[in-house]
PDB file of N, CA and C in Angstrom:
ATOM      1  N   MET A   1     -21.902 -69.460 -20.081  1.00  0.00           N
ATOM      2  CA  MET A   1     -22.036 -69.346 -18.648  1.00  0.00           C
ATOM      3  C   MET A   1     -20.653 -69.384 -18.032  1.00  0.00           C
ATOM      4  N   GLY A   2     -20.399 -68.504 -17.109  1.00  0.00           N
ATOM      5  CA  GLY A   2     -19.101 -68.442 -16.466  1.00  0.00           C
ATOM      6  C   GLY A   2     -18.900 -69.559 -15.464  1.00  0.00           C
ATOM      7  N   THR A   3     -17.657 -69.736 -15.057  1.00  0.00           N
ATOM      8  CA  THR A   3     -17.305 -70.791 -14.118  1.00  0.00           C
ATOM      9  C   THR A   3     -18.037 -70.631 -12.794  1.00  0.00           C
ATOM     10  N   ASN A   4     -18.164 -69.398 -12.319  1.00  0.00           N
ATOM     11  CA  ASN A   4     -18.832 -69.159 -11.050  1.00  0.00           C
ATOM     12  C   ASN A   4     -20.298 -69.581 -11.104  1.00  0.00           C
ATOM     13  N   GLU A   5     -20.991 -69.206 -12.184  1.00  0.00           N
ATOM     14  CA  GLU A   5     -22.394 -69.583 -12.322  1.00  0.00           C
ATOM     15  C   GLU A   5     -22.544 -71.096 -12.425  1.00  0.00           C
ATOM     16  N   GLU A   6     -21.662 -71.730 -13.178  1.00  0.00           N
ATOM     17  CA  GLU A   6     -21.719 -73.180 -13.310  1.00  0.00           C
ATOM     18  C   GLU A   6     -21.512 -73.850 -11.960  1.00  0.00           C
ATOM     19  N   GLY A   7     -20.583 -73.353 -11.186  1.00  0.00           N
ATOM     20  CA  GLY A   7     -20.335 -73.908  -9.854  1.00  0.00           C
ATOM     21  C   GLY A   7     -21.535 -73.761  -8.945  1.00  0.00           C
ATOM     22  N   LEU A   8     -22.188 -72.614  -9.011  1.00  0.00           N
ATOM     23  CA  LEU A   8     -23.381 -72.395  -8.198  1.00  0.00           C
ATOM     24  C   LEU A   8     -24.523 -73.318  -8.627  1.00  0.00           C
ATOM     25  N   LEU A   9     -24.709 -73.481  -9.927  1.00  0.00           N
ATOM     26  CA  LEU A   9     -25.766 -74.370 -10.408  1.00  0.00           C
ATOM     27  C   LEU A   9     -25.496 -75.822 -10.008  1.00  0.00           C
ATOM     28  N   ARG A  10     -24.247 -76.226 -10.048  1.00  0.00           N
ATOM     29  CA  ARG A  10     -23.906 -77.591  -9.611  1.00  0.00           C
ATOM     30  C   ARG A  10     -24.171 -77.773  -8.117  1.00  0.00           C
ATOM     31  N   ALA A  11     -23.885 -76.753  -7.340  1.00  0.00           N
ATOM     32  CA  ALA A  11     -24.141 -76.814  -5.901  1.00  0.00           C
ATOM     33  C   ALA A  11     -25.636 -76.928  -5.627  1.00  0.00           C
ATOM     34  N   ILE A  12     -26.432 -76.172  -6.362  1.00  0.00           N
ATOM     35  CA  ILE A  12     -27.886 -76.246  -6.201  1.00  0.00           C
ATOM     36  C   ILE A  12     -28.389 -77.633  -6.579  1.00  0.00           C
ATOM     37  N   LEU A  13     -27.912 -78.160  -7.713  1.00  0.00           N
ATOM     38  CA  LEU A  13     -28.304 -79.499  -8.149  1.00  0.00           C
ATOM     39  C   LEU A  13     -27.947 -80.538  -7.090  1.00  0.00           C
ATOM     40  N   ALA A  14     -26.744 -80.473  -6.564  1.00  0.00           N
ATOM     41  CA  ALA A  14     -26.308 -81.448  -5.564  1.00  0.00           C
ATOM     42  C   ALA A  14     -27.140 -81.345  -4.295  1.00  0.00           C
ATOM     43  N   THR A  15     -27.471 -80.132  -3.875  1.00  0.00           N
ATOM     44  CA  THR A  15     -28.268 -79.946  -2.665  1.00  0.00           C
ATOM     45  C   THR A  15     -29.656 -80.546  -2.828  1.00  0.00           C
ATOM     46  N   ILE A  16     -30.286 -80.261  -3.937  1.00  0.00           N
ATOM     47  CA  ILE A  16     -31.622 -80.816  -4.197  1.00  0.00           C
ATOM     48  C   ILE A  16     -31.544 -82.332  -4.354  1.00  0.00           C
ATOM     49  N   ALA A  17     -30.539 -82.806  -5.060  1.00  0.00           N
ATOM     50  CA  ALA A  17     -30.398 -84.246  -5.287  1.00  0.00           C
ATOM     51  C   ALA A  17     -30.196 -85.001  -3.981  1.00  0.00           C
ATOM     52  N   ARG A  18     -29.448 -84.439  -3.051  1.00  0.00           N
ATOM     53  CA  ARG A  18     -29.217 -85.112  -1.767  1.00  0.00           C
ATOM     54  C   ARG A  18     -30.498 -85.231  -0.964  1.00  0.00           C
ATOM     55  N   GLN A  19     -31.435 -84.310  -1.185  1.00  0.00           N
ATOM     56  CA  GLN A  19     -32.731 -84.403  -0.511  1.00  0.00           C
ATOM     57  C   GLN A  19     -33.632 -85.428  -1.199  1.00  0.00           C
ATOM     58  N   THR A  20     -33.372 -85.677  -2.469  1.00  0.00           N
ATOM     59  CA  THR A  20     -34.183 -86.601  -3.263  1.00  0.00           C
ATOM     60  C   THR A  20     -33.628 -88.016  -3.235  1.00  0.00           C
ATOM     61  N   PHE A  21     -32.313 -88.139  -3.395  1.00  0.00           N
ATOM     62  CA  PHE A  21     -31.655 -89.443  -3.473  1.00  0.00           C
ATOM     63  C   PHE A  21     -30.639 -89.575  -2.348  1.00  0.00           C
ATOM     64  N   SER A  22     -30.799 -90.584  -1.520  1.00  0.00           N
ATOM     65  CA  SER A  22     -29.770 -90.860  -0.513  1.00  0.00           C
ATOM     66  C   SER A  22     -28.599 -91.547  -1.209  1.00  0.00           C
ATOM     67  N   PRO A  23     -27.428 -91.521  -0.591  1.00  0.00           N
ATOM     68  CA  PRO A  23     -26.305 -92.270  -1.185  1.00  0.00           C
ATOM     69  C   PRO A  23     -26.649 -93.744  -1.393  1.00  0.00           C
ATOM     70  N   GLU A  24     -27.451 -94.303  -0.488  1.00  0.00           N
ATOM     71  CA  GLU A  24     -27.855 -95.699  -0.620  1.00  0.00           C
ATOM     72  C   GLU A  24     -28.744 -95.918  -1.848  1.00  0.00           C
ATOM     73  N   ASP A  25     -29.631 -94.943  -2.114  1.00  0.00           N
ATOM     74  CA  ASP A  25     -30.480 -95.028  -3.311  1.00  0.00           C
ATOM     75  C   ASP A  25     -29.624 -95.028  -4.577  1.00  0.00           C
ATOM     76  N   ILE A  26     -28.674 -94.110  -4.636  1.00  0.00           N
ATOM     77  CA  ILE A  26     -27.809 -94.026  -5.812  1.00  0.00           C
ATOM     78  C   ILE A  26     -26.976 -95.289  -5.944  1.00  0.00           C
ATOM     79  N   HIS A  27     -26.451 -95.764  -4.836  1.00  0.00           N
ATOM     80  CA  HIS A  27     -25.658 -97.004  -4.849  1.00  0.00           C
ATOM     81  C   HIS A  27     -26.495 -98.157  -5.404  1.00  0.00           C
ATOM     82  N   ALA A  28     -27.743 -98.256  -4.985  1.00  0.00           N
ATOM     83  CA  ALA A  28     -28.623 -99.335  -5.445  1.00  0.00           C
ATOM     84  C   ALA A  28     -28.900 -99.240  -6.941  1.00  0.00           C
ATOM     85  N   ILE A  29     -28.957 -98.034  -7.467  1.00  0.00           N
ATOM     86  CA  ILE A  29     -29.191 -97.842  -8.903  1.00  0.00           C
ATOM     87  C   ILE A  29     -27.921 -98.130  -9.699  1.00  0.00           C
ATOM     88  N   VAL A  30     -26.794 -97.601  -9.227  1.00  0.00           N
ATOM     89  CA  VAL A  30     -25.534 -97.694  -9.972  1.00  0.00           C
ATOM     90  C   VAL A  30     -24.905 -99.079  -9.866  1.00  0.00           C
ATOM     91  N   ALA A  31     -24.888 -99.645  -8.681  1.00  0.00           N
ATOM     92  CA  ALA A  31     -24.205-100.928  -8.447  1.00  0.00           C
ATOM     93  C   ALA A  31     -25.111-101.854  -7.642  1.00  0.00           C
ATOM     94  N   PRO A  32     -26.186-102.357  -8.261  1.00  0.00           N
ATOM     95  CA  PRO A  32     -27.138-103.185  -7.512  1.00  0.00           C
ATOM     96  C   PRO A  32     -26.578-104.545  -7.101  1.00  0.00           C
ATOM     97  N   GLN A  33     -25.549-105.006  -7.780  1.00  0.00           N
ATOM     98  CA  GLN A  33     -24.954-106.302  -7.457  1.00  0.00           C
ATOM     99  C   GLN A  33     -23.583-106.081  -6.828  1.00  0.00           C
ATOM    100  N   ALA A  34     -23.198-106.977  -5.973  1.00  0.00           N
ATOM    101  CA  ALA A  34     -21.924-106.842  -5.261  1.00  0.00           C
ATOM    102  C   ALA A  34     -20.733-106.764  -6.210  1.00  0.00           C
ATOM    103  N   ASN A  35     -20.812-107.427  -7.351  1.00  0.00           N
ATOM    104  CA  ASN A  35     -19.676-107.447  -8.274  1.00  0.00           C
ATOM    105  C   ASN A  35     -19.688-106.277  -9.257  1.00  0.00           C
ATOM    106  N   SER A  36     -20.546-105.284  -9.036  1.00  0.00           N
ATOM    107  CA  SER A  36     -20.612-104.151  -9.961  1.00  0.00           C
ATOM    108  C   SER A  36     -20.040-102.866  -9.362  1.00  0.00           C
ATOM    109  N   ALA A  37     -19.117-103.015  -8.418  1.00  0.00           N
ATOM    110  CA  ALA A  37     -18.514-101.855  -7.753  1.00  0.00           C
ATOM    111  C   ALA A  37     -17.771-100.945  -8.724  1.00  0.00           C
ATOM    112  N   LYS A  38     -17.264-101.488  -9.841  1.00  0.00           N
ATOM    113  CA  LYS A  38     -16.547-100.650 -10.807  1.00  0.00           C
ATOM    114  C   LYS A  38     -17.467 -99.557 -11.342  1.00  0.00           C
ATOM    115  N   TRP A  39     -18.782 -99.830 -11.388  1.00  0.00           N
ATOM    116  CA  TRP A  39     -19.720 -98.835 -11.916  1.00  0.00           C
ATOM    117  C   TRP A  39     -19.855 -97.641 -10.993  1.00  0.00           C
ATOM    118  N   LEU A  40     -19.544 -97.803  -9.707  1.00  0.00           N
ATOM    119  CA  LEU A  40     -19.526 -96.646  -8.796  1.00  0.00           C
ATOM    120  C   LEU A  40     -18.454 -95.657  -9.232  1.00  0.00           C
ATOM    121  N   LYS A  41     -17.293 -96.176  -9.601  1.00  0.00           N
ATOM    122  CA  LYS A  41     -16.211 -95.315 -10.070  1.00  0.00           C
ATOM    123  C   LYS A  41     -16.564 -94.676 -11.410  1.00  0.00           C
ATOM    124  N   VAL A  42     -17.214 -95.450 -12.268  1.00  0.00           N
ATOM    125  CA  VAL A  42     -17.647 -94.913 -13.560  1.00  0.00           C
ATOM    126  C   VAL A  42     -18.669 -93.802 -13.333  1.00  0.00           C
ATOM    127  N   TYR A  43     -19.625 -94.034 -12.444  1.00  0.00           N
ATOM    128  CA  TYR A  43     -20.627 -93.011 -12.113  1.00  0.00           C
ATOM    129  C   TYR A  43     -19.938 -91.739 -11.622  1.00  0.00           C
ATOM    130  N   ASN A  44     -18.973 -91.875 -10.735  1.00  0.00           N
ATOM    131  CA  ASN A  44     -18.259 -90.704 -10.212  1.00  0.00           C
ATOM    132  C   ASN A  44     -17.463 -89.985 -11.294  1.00  0.00           C
ATOM    133  N   ALA A  45     -17.058 -90.719 -12.329  1.00  0.00           N
ATOM    134  CA  ALA A  45     -16.334 -90.087 -13.438  1.00  0.00           C
ATOM    135  C   ALA A  45     -17.257 -89.213 -14.289  1.00  0.00           C
ATOM    136  N   CYS A  46     -18.557 -89.381 -14.118  1.00  0.00           N
ATOM    137  CA  CYS A  46     -19.544 -88.565 -14.851  1.00  0.00           C
ATOM    138  C   CYS A  46     -19.700 -87.216 -14.144  1.00  0.00           C
ATOM    139  N   ASN A  47     -18.634 -86.447 -14.151  1.00  0.00           N
ATOM    140  CA  ASN A  47     -18.631 -85.168 -13.427  1.00  0.00           C
ATOM    141  C   ASN A  47     -18.652 -83.956 -14.353  1.00  0.00           C
ATOM    142  N   GLY A  48     -18.899 -84.204 -15.635  1.00  0.00           N
ATOM    143  CA  GLY A  48     -19.013 -83.113 -16.588  1.00  0.00           C
ATOM    144  C   GLY A  48     -17.712 -82.693 -17.243  1.00  0.00           C
ATOM    145  N   THR A  49     -16.613 -83.319 -16.865  1.00  0.00           N
ATOM    146  CA  THR A  49     -15.328 -82.942 -17.455  1.00  0.00           C
ATOM    147  C   THR A  49     -14.959 -83.816 -18.648  1.00  0.00           C
ATOM    148  N   LEU A  50     -15.602 -84.987 -18.754  1.00  0.00           N
ATOM    149  CA  LEU A  50     -15.282 -85.941 -19.817  1.00  0.00           C
ATOM    150  C   LEU A  50     -16.515 -86.273 -20.637  1.00  0.00           C
ATOM    151  N   THR A  51     -16.296 -86.589 -21.905  1.00  0.00           N
ATOM    152  CA  THR A  51     -17.392 -87.094 -22.726  1.00  0.00           C
ATOM    153  C   THR A  51     -17.621 -88.562 -22.358  1.00  0.00           C
ATOM    154  N   GLN A  52     -18.723 -89.092 -22.837  1.00  0.00           N
ATOM    155  CA  GLN A  52     -19.039 -90.486 -22.566  1.00  0.00           C
ATOM    156  C   GLN A  52     -17.960 -91.412 -23.106  1.00  0.00           C
ATOM    157  N   SER A  53     -17.472 -91.149 -24.306  1.00  0.00           N
ATOM    158  CA  SER A  53     -16.429 -92.013 -24.878  1.00  0.00           C
ATOM    159  C   SER A  53     -15.117 -91.880 -24.103  1.00  0.00           C
ATOM    160  N   GLU A  54     -14.807 -90.689 -23.611  1.00  0.00           N
ATOM    161  CA  GLU A  54     -13.596 -90.514 -22.801  1.00  0.00           C
ATOM    162  C   GLU A  54     -13.712 -91.280 -21.483  1.00  0.00           C
ATOM    163  N   ILE A  55     -14.906 -91.288 -20.899  1.00  0.00           N
ATOM    164  CA  ILE A  55     -15.120 -92.040 -19.655  1.00  0.00           C
ATOM    165  C   ILE A  55     -14.923 -93.528 -19.922  1.00  0.00           C
ATOM    166  N   ALA A  56     -15.520 -94.041 -21.008  1.00  0.00           N
ATOM    167  CA  ALA A  56     -15.382 -95.464 -21.336  1.00  0.00           C
ATOM    168  C   ALA A  56     -13.918 -95.846 -21.498  1.00  0.00           C
ATOM    169  N   LYS A  57     -13.173 -95.019 -22.198  1.00  0.00           N
ATOM    170  CA  LYS A  57     -11.754 -95.308 -22.430  1.00  0.00           C
ATOM    171  C   LYS A  57     -10.957 -95.232 -21.125  1.00  0.00           C
ATOM    172  N   GLN A  58     -11.161 -94.163 -20.368  1.00  0.00           N
ATOM    173  CA  GLN A  58     -10.403 -93.966 -19.129  1.00  0.00           C
ATOM    174  C   GLN A  58     -10.725 -95.034 -18.083  1.00  0.00           C
ATOM    175  N   MET A  59     -12.001 -95.412 -17.988  1.00  0.00           N
ATOM    176  CA  MET A  59     -12.426 -96.369 -16.969  1.00  0.00           C
ATOM    177  C   MET A  59     -12.357 -97.817 -17.462  1.00  0.00           C
ATOM    178  N   LYS A  60     -11.983 -97.986 -18.742  1.00  0.00           N
ATOM    179  CA  LYS A  60     -11.818 -99.315 -19.343  1.00  0.00           C
ATOM    180  C   LYS A  60     -13.102-100.145 -19.262  1.00  0.00           C
ATOM    181  N   VAL A  61     -14.202 -99.524 -19.719  1.00  0.00           N
ATOM    182  CA  VAL A  61     -15.474-100.229 -19.814  1.00  0.00           C
ATOM    183  C   VAL A  61     -15.946-100.184 -21.262  1.00  0.00           C
ATOM    184  N   ASP A  62     -16.751-101.146 -21.641  1.00  0.00           N
ATOM    185  CA  ASP A  62     -17.293-101.210 -22.989  1.00  0.00           C
ATOM    186  C   ASP A  62     -18.190 -99.994 -23.238  1.00  0.00           C
ATOM    187  N   ALA A  63     -17.968 -99.318 -24.352  1.00  0.00           N
ATOM    188  CA  ALA A  63     -18.716 -98.102 -24.674  1.00  0.00           C
ATOM    189  C   ALA A  63     -20.214 -98.370 -24.785  1.00  0.00           C
ATOM    190  N   SER A  64     -20.584 -99.511 -25.322  1.00  0.00           N
ATOM    191  CA  SER A  64     -21.995 -99.866 -25.451  1.00  0.00           C
ATOM    192  C   SER A  64     -22.636-100.086 -24.076  1.00  0.00           C
ATOM    193  N   ASP A  65     -21.921-100.783 -23.198  1.00  0.00           N
ATOM    194  CA  ASP A  65     -22.423-100.992 -21.831  1.00  0.00           C
ATOM    195  C   ASP A  65     -22.579 -99.655 -21.111  1.00  0.00           C
ATOM    196  N   LEU A  66     -21.592 -98.774 -21.283  1.00  0.00           N
ATOM    197  CA  LEU A  66     -21.665 -97.462 -20.635  1.00  0.00           C
ATOM    198  C   LEU A  66     -22.845 -96.672 -21.168  1.00  0.00           C
ATOM    199  N   SER A  67     -23.072 -96.729 -22.459  1.00  0.00           N
ATOM    200  CA  SER A  67     -24.193 -96.015 -23.052  1.00  0.00           C
ATOM    201  C   SER A  67     -25.513 -96.474 -22.439  1.00  0.00           C
ATOM    202  N   LYS A  68     -25.668 -97.783 -22.289  1.00  0.00           N
ATOM    203  CA  LYS A  68     -26.882 -98.334 -21.672  1.00  0.00           C
ATOM    204  C   LYS A  68     -27.016 -97.883 -20.224  1.00  0.00           C
ATOM    205  N   LYS A  69     -25.910 -97.921 -19.495  1.00  0.00           N
ATOM    206  CA  LYS A  69     -25.932 -97.492 -18.086  1.00  0.00           C
ATOM    207  C   LYS A  69     -26.312 -96.024 -17.972  1.00  0.00           C
ATOM    208  N   ILE A  70     -25.690 -95.185 -18.777  1.00  0.00           N
ATOM    209  CA  ILE A  70     -25.966 -93.748 -18.691  1.00  0.00           C
ATOM    210  C   ILE A  70     -27.418 -93.460 -19.055  1.00  0.00           C
ATOM    211  N   LYS A  71     -27.952 -94.137 -20.056  1.00  0.00           N
ATOM    212  CA  LYS A  71     -29.370 -93.959 -20.395  1.00  0.00           C
ATOM    213  C   LYS A  71     -30.252 -94.338 -19.207  1.00  0.00           C
ATOM    214  N   ARG A  72     -29.912 -95.415 -18.529  1.00  0.00           N
ATOM    215  CA  ARG A  72     -30.681 -95.840 -17.357  1.00  0.00           C
ATOM    216  C   ARG A  72     -30.546 -94.824 -16.229  1.00  0.00           C
ATOM    217  N   TRP A  73     -29.311 -94.347 -16.010  1.00  0.00           N
ATOM    218  CA  TRP A  73     -29.093 -93.375 -14.937  1.00  0.00           C
ATOM    219  C   TRP A  73     -29.844 -92.077 -15.211  1.00  0.00           C
ATOM    220  N   ILE A  74     -29.902 -91.683 -16.476  1.00  0.00           N
ATOM    221  CA  ILE A  74     -30.664 -90.487 -16.842  1.00  0.00           C
ATOM    222  C   ILE A  74     -32.146 -90.721 -16.568  1.00  0.00           C
ATOM    223  N   ALA A  75     -32.645 -91.886 -16.965  1.00  0.00           N
ATOM    224  CA  ALA A  75     -34.054 -92.221 -16.730  1.00  0.00           C
ATOM    225  C   ALA A  75     -34.384 -92.241 -15.235  1.00  0.00           C
ATOM    226  N   GLU A  76     -33.426 -92.672 -14.427  1.00  0.00           N
ATOM    227  CA  GLU A  76     -33.615 -92.721 -12.975  1.00  0.00           C
ATOM    228  C   GLU A  76     -33.466 -91.344 -12.328  1.00  0.00           C
ATOM    229  N   GLY A  77     -32.886 -90.386 -13.057  1.00  0.00           N
ATOM    230  CA  GLY A  77     -32.746 -89.030 -12.552  1.00  0.00           C
ATOM    231  C   GLY A  77     -31.463 -88.743 -11.793  1.00  0.00           C
ATOM    232  N   ILE A  78     -30.476 -89.646 -11.897  1.00  0.00           N
ATOM    233  CA  ILE A  78     -29.236 -89.423 -11.147  1.00  0.00           C
ATOM    234  C   ILE A  78     -28.096 -88.907 -12.017  1.00  0.00           C
ATOM    235  N   VAL A  79     -28.331 -88.818 -13.326  1.00  0.00           N
ATOM    236  CA  VAL A  79     -27.357 -88.258 -14.265  1.00  0.00           C
ATOM    237  C   VAL A  79     -28.111 -87.379 -15.251  1.00  0.00           C
ATOM    238  N   ILE A  80     -27.480 -86.280 -15.630  1.00  0.00           N
ATOM    239  CA  ILE A  80     -28.006 -85.422 -16.689  1.00  0.00           C
ATOM    240  C   ILE A  80     -26.921 -85.274 -17.743  1.00  0.00           C
ATOM    241  N   ARG A  81     -27.303 -84.790 -18.911  1.00  0.00           N
ATOM    242  CA  ARG A  81     -26.316 -84.535 -19.969  1.00  0.00           C
ATOM    243  C   ARG A  81     -26.198 -83.032 -20.163  1.00  0.00           C
ATOM    244  N   LEU A  82     -24.981 -82.552 -20.177  1.00  0.00           N
ATOM    245  CA  LEU A  82     -24.716 -81.156 -20.494  1.00  0.00           C
ATOM    246  C   LEU A  82     -24.185 -81.073 -21.915  1.00  0.00           C
ATOM    247  N   ALA A  83     -24.819 -80.251 -22.711  1.00  0.00           N
ATOM    248  CA  ALA A  83     -24.353 -80.053 -24.083  1.00  0.00           C
ATOM    249  C   ALA A  83     -23.129 -79.152 -24.059  1.00  0.00           C
ATOM    250  N   ASP A  84     -22.105 -79.582 -24.788  1.00  0.00           N
ATOM    251  CA  ASP A  84     -20.860 -78.826 -24.852  1.00  0.00           C
ATOM    252  C   ASP A  84     -20.414 -78.777 -26.305  1.00  0.00           C
ATOM    253  N   GLY A  85     -21.043 -77.911 -27.068  1.00  0.00           N
ATOM    254  CA  GLY A  85     -20.715 -77.839 -28.486  1.00  0.00           C
ATOM    255  C   GLY A  85     -21.195 -79.079 -29.206  1.00  0.00           C
ATOM    256  N   LYS A  86     -20.258 -79.845 -29.756  1.00  0.00           N
ATOM    257  CA  LYS A  86     -20.610 -81.047 -30.514  1.00  0.00           C
ATOM    258  C   LYS A  86     -20.740 -82.287 -29.643  1.00  0.00           C
ATOM    259  N   SER A  87     -20.332 -82.216 -28.399  1.00  0.00           N
ATOM    260  CA  SER A  87     -20.367 -83.399 -27.544  1.00  0.00           C
ATOM    261  C   SER A  87     -21.198 -83.139 -26.288  1.00  0.00           C
ATOM    262  N   ASP A  88     -21.767 -84.214 -25.779  1.00  0.00           N
ATOM    263  CA  ASP A  88     -22.489 -84.154 -24.510  1.00  0.00           C
ATOM    264  C   ASP A  88     -21.588 -84.734 -23.428  1.00  0.00           C
ATOM    265  N   ARG A  89     -21.738 -84.176 -22.251  1.00  0.00           N
ATOM    266  CA  ARG A  89     -20.960 -84.671 -21.119  1.00  0.00           C
ATOM    267  C   ARG A  89     -21.919 -85.079 -20.005  1.00  0.00           C
ATOM    268  N   PRO A  90     -21.857 -86.336 -19.572  1.00  0.00           N
ATOM    269  CA  PRO A  90     -22.736 -86.762 -18.485  1.00  0.00           C
ATOM    270  C   PRO A  90     -22.276 -86.178 -17.149  1.00  0.00           C
ATOM    271  N   VAL A  91     -23.259 -85.786 -16.345  1.00  0.00           N
ATOM    272  CA  VAL A  91     -22.979 -85.195 -15.036  1.00  0.00           C
ATOM    273  C   VAL A  91     -23.845 -85.892 -13.989  1.00  0.00           C
ATOM    274  N   HIS A  92     -23.204 -86.457 -12.984  1.00  0.00           N
ATOM    275  CA  HIS A  92     -23.954 -87.077 -11.894  1.00  0.00           C
ATOM    276  C   HIS A  92     -24.548 -85.997 -10.998  1.00  0.00           C
ATOM    277  N   VAL A  93     -25.579 -86.368 -10.221  1.00  0.00           N
ATOM    278  CA  VAL A  93     -26.200 -85.385  -9.338  1.00  0.00           C
ATOM    279  C   VAL A  93     -25.281 -85.042  -8.171  1.00  0.00           C
ATOM    280  N   TYR A  94     -24.527 -86.015  -7.700  1.00  0.00           N
ATOM    281  CA  TYR A  94     -23.430 -85.788  -6.754  1.00  0.00           C
ATOM    282  C   TYR A  94     -22.618 -87.063  -6.670  1.00  0.00           C
ATOM    283  N   PRO A  95     -21.327 -86.948  -6.368  1.00  0.00           N
ATOM    284  CA  PRO A  95     -20.488 -88.154  -6.285  1.00  0.00           C
ATOM    285  C   PRO A  95     -20.833 -88.976  -5.045  1.00  0.00           C
ATOM    286  N   ILE A  96     -20.554 -90.258  -5.126  1.00  0.00           N
ATOM    287  CA  ILE A  96     -20.801 -91.125  -3.975  1.00  0.00           C
ATOM    288  C   ILE A  96     -19.519 -91.844  -3.582  1.00  0.00           C
ATOM    289  N   ASP A  97     -19.471 -92.264  -2.326  1.00  0.00           N
ATOM    290  CA  ASP A  97     -18.310 -92.958  -1.776  1.00  0.00           C
ATOM    291  C   ASP A  97     -18.167 -94.318  -2.456  1.00  0.00           C
ATOM    292  N   THR A  98     -16.971 -94.655  -2.857  1.00  0.00           N
ATOM    293  CA  THR A  98     -16.745 -95.922  -3.548  1.00  0.00           C
ATOM    294  C   THR A  98     -16.183 -97.006  -2.634  1.00  0.00           C
ATOM    295  N   ASP A  99     -16.089 -96.735  -1.353  1.00  0.00           N
ATOM    296  CA  ASP A  99     -15.546 -97.751  -0.410  1.00  0.00           C
ATOM    297  C   ASP A  99     -16.607 -98.698   0.067  1.00  0.00           C
TER     298      ASP A  99
END
């Protein structure tokens, strides 16, 4: 799939997701506790450019914890996995404000 098609599909996903999940809904799923704000940044890093292990390393989070979080986010419908050859890349439905 070309870059243009991928961009259009991401735009469609984000548009539908914004009608389904408010930023507050996503915030409640990703960072339900006040001290879990780092997970908002981790969630935003799930933009399809990095593998799960690259996200864990870059964001300095435990790979096992990230794996559990991503599985939960997928179950909740706010993250999908894109297959990229031998590796999967997590993709959020849309980024959220981390402030």
